[in-house]
C-alpha atoms as a PDB file:
ATOM      1  CA  UNK A   1      17.975 -45.245  27.729  1.00  0.00           C
ATOM      2  CA  UNK A   2      21.312 -45.960  26.104  1.00  0.00           C
ATOM      3  CA  UNK A   3      24.527 -46.964  27.851  1.00  0.00           C
ATOM      4  CA  UNK A   4      28.101 -47.509  26.856  1.00  0.00           C
ATOM      5  CA  UNK A   5      29.279 -50.586  28.681  1.00  0.00           C
ATOM      6  CA  UNK A   6      32.965 -51.318  29.181  1.00  0.00           C
ATOM      7  CA  UNK A   7      33.679 -54.985  29.748  1.00  0.00           C
ATOM      8  CA  UNK A   8      37.068 -56.318  30.778  1.00  0.00           C
ATOM      9  CA  UNK A   9      37.806 -60.019  30.591  1.00  0.00           C
ATOM     10  CA  UNK A  10      40.072 -61.132  33.417  1.00  0.00           C
ATOM     11  CA  UNK A  11      43.474 -61.831  31.821  1.00  0.00           C
ATOM     12  CA  UNK A  12      43.844 -64.868  34.093  1.00  0.00           C
ATOM     13  CA  UNK A  13      40.870 -66.541  32.391  1.00  0.00           C
ATOM     14  CA  UNK A  14      42.023 -69.822  30.872  1.00  0.00           C
ATOM     15  CA  UNK A  15      42.063 -69.636  27.081  1.00  0.00           C
ATOM     16  CA  UNK A  16      40.401 -73.056  26.978  1.00  0.00           C
ATOM     17  CA  UNK A  17      37.399 -71.636  28.851  1.00  0.00           C
ATOM     18  CA  UNK A  18      37.119 -68.766  26.390  1.00  0.00           C
ATOM     19  CA  UNK A  19      37.363 -71.125  23.418  1.00  0.00           C
ATOM     20  CA  UNK A  20      34.747 -73.444  24.926  1.00  0.00           C
ATOM     21  CA  UNK A  21      32.250 -70.612  25.531  1.00  0.00           C
ATOM     22  CA  UNK A  22      32.892 -68.649  22.331  1.00  0.00           C
ATOM     23  CA  UNK A  23      30.064 -70.205  20.243  1.00  0.00           C
ATOM     24  CA  UNK A  24      27.521 -69.528  23.012  1.00  0.00           C
ATOM     25  CA  UNK A  25      28.855 -65.975  23.471  1.00  0.00           C
ATOM     26  CA  UNK A  26      28.492 -65.242  19.752  1.00  0.00           C
ATOM     27  CA  UNK A  27      24.967 -66.669  19.731  1.00  0.00           C
ATOM     28  CA  UNK A  28      23.912 -64.560  22.729  1.00  0.00           C
ATOM     29  CA  UNK A  29      25.412 -61.406  21.191  1.00  0.00           C
ATOM     30  CA  UNK A  30      23.405 -62.097  18.018  1.00  0.00           C
ATOM     31  CA  UNK A  31      20.214 -62.532  20.086  1.00  0.00           C
ATOM     32  CA  UNK A  32      20.777 -59.254  21.933  1.00  0.00           C
ATOM     33  CA  UNK A  33      21.322 -57.489  18.595  1.00  0.00           C
ATOM     34  CA  UNK A  34      18.119 -59.010  17.180  1.00  0.00           C
ATOM     35  CA  UNK A  35      16.231 -57.827  20.272  1.00  0.00           C
ATOM     36  CA  UNK A  36      17.575 -54.284  19.821  1.00  0.00           C
ATOM     37  CA  UNK A  37      19.278 -54.324  23.217  1.00  0.00           C
ATOM     38  CA  UNK A  38      22.806 -54.380  21.811  1.00  0.00           C
ATOM     39  CA  UNK A  39      23.405 -51.779  19.135  1.00  0.00           C
ATOM     40  CA  UNK A  40      27.104 -52.272  18.476  1.00  0.00           C
ATOM     41  CA  UNK A  41      30.171 -53.919  19.955  1.00  0.00           C
ATOM     42  CA  UNK A  42      33.846 -52.986  19.717  1.00  0.00           C
ATOM     43  CA  UNK A  43      36.765 -55.214  20.677  1.00  0.00           C
ATOM     44  CA  UNK A  44      40.318 -54.187  21.462  1.00  0.00           C
ATOM     45  CA  UNK A  45      43.138 -55.814  19.525  1.00  0.00           C
ATOM     46  CA  UNK A  46      43.688 -58.188  22.464  1.00  0.00           C
ATOM     47  CA  UNK A  47      39.963 -59.054  22.517  1.00  0.00           C
ATOM     48  CA  UNK A  48      40.058 -58.696  26.310  1.00  0.00           C
ATOM     49  CA  UNK A  49      38.537 -55.182  26.388  1.00  0.00           C
ATOM     50  CA  UNK A  50      35.059 -54.698  24.966  1.00  0.00           C
ATOM     51  CA  UNK A  51      32.871 -51.632  24.547  1.00  0.00           C
ATOM     52  CA  UNK A  52      29.211 -51.944  23.665  1.00  0.00           C
ATOM     53  CA  UNK A  53      26.288 -49.619  23.131  1.00  0.00           C
ATOM     54  CA  UNK A  54      23.239 -51.098  24.835  1.00  0.00           C
ATOM     55  CA  UNK A  55      19.664 -49.814  24.974  1.00  0.00           C
ATOM     56  CA  UNK A  56      16.976 -50.596  27.517  1.00  0.00           C
ATOM     57  CA  UNK A  57      14.201 -49.079  29.605  1.00  0.00           C
ATOM     58  CA  UNK A  58      16.507 -48.929  32.623  1.00  0.00           C
ATOM     59  CA  UNK A  59      20.012 -49.670  33.845  1.00  0.00           C
ATOM     60  CA  UNK A  60      18.686 -52.877  35.370  1.00  0.00           C
ATOM     61  CA  UNK A  61      17.458 -54.108  31.966  1.00  0.00           C
ATOM     62  CA  UNK A  62      20.879 -53.454  30.431  1.00  0.00           C
ATOM     63  CA  UNK A  63      22.691 -55.053  33.371  1.00  0.00           C
ATOM     64  CA  UNK A  64      20.501 -58.141  33.038  1.00  0.00           C
ATOM     65  CA  UNK A  65      21.339 -58.389  29.328  1.00  0.00           C
ATOM     66  CA  UNK A  66      25.068 -58.055  29.997  1.00  0.00           C
ATOM     67  CA  UNK A  67      24.897 -60.608  32.804  1.00  0.00           C
ATOM     68  CA  UNK A  68      23.288 -63.077  30.387  1.00  0.00           C
ATOM     69  CA  UNK A  69      26.500 -63.250  28.345  1.00  0.00           C
ATOM     70  CA  UNK A  70      28.323 -66.576  28.805  1.00  0.00           C
ATOM     71  CA  UNK A  71      31.647 -64.740  29.291  1.00  0.00           C
ATOM     72  CA  UNK A  72      30.159 -62.566  32.054  1.00  0.00           C
ATOM     73  CA  UNK A  73      31.547 -64.760  34.844  1.00  0.00           C
ATOM     74  CA  UNK A  74      35.036 -63.746  33.665  1.00  0.00           C
ATOM     75  CA  UNK A  75      34.261 -60.027  33.234  1.00  0.00           C
ATOM     76  CA  UNK A  76      34.032 -56.797  35.112  1.00  0.00           C
ATOM     77  CA  UNK A  77      31.566 -54.234  33.799  1.00  0.00           C
ATOM     78  CA  UNK A  78      31.276 -50.442  33.933  1.00  0.00           C
ATOM     79  CA  UNK A  79      28.056 -48.737  32.821  1.00  0.00           C
ATOM     80  CA  UNK A  80      27.799 -45.121  31.660  1.00  0.00           C
ATOM     81  CA  UNK A  81      24.449 -43.681  30.635  1.00  0.00           C
ATOM     82  CA  UNK A  82      24.649 -41.695  27.416  1.00  0.00           C
ATOM     83  CA  UNK A  83      23.117 -38.262  26.943  1.00  0.00           C
ATOM     84  CA  UNK A  84      20.045 -38.312  24.718  1.00  0.00           C
ATOM     85  CA  UNK A  85      19.239 -35.059  22.958  1.00  0.00           C
END
């Protein structure tokens, strides 16, 4: 199953927190790509809105992957399953 996931970083998140977690976030994104769970990621120009294409056996698998991101504690997430033809 594939999902487009919209992630919104809370604009009130301290920039210092983002800077501190950025190396871990990048590393986790790379791991998810290596595992085939994360196919692609798109950032808005503000870098506060993120869209990703994730793949997994279920919504729960994808949610677990997204929740493993270090930035997740500052995010809201919306999941939309994609049509597979």
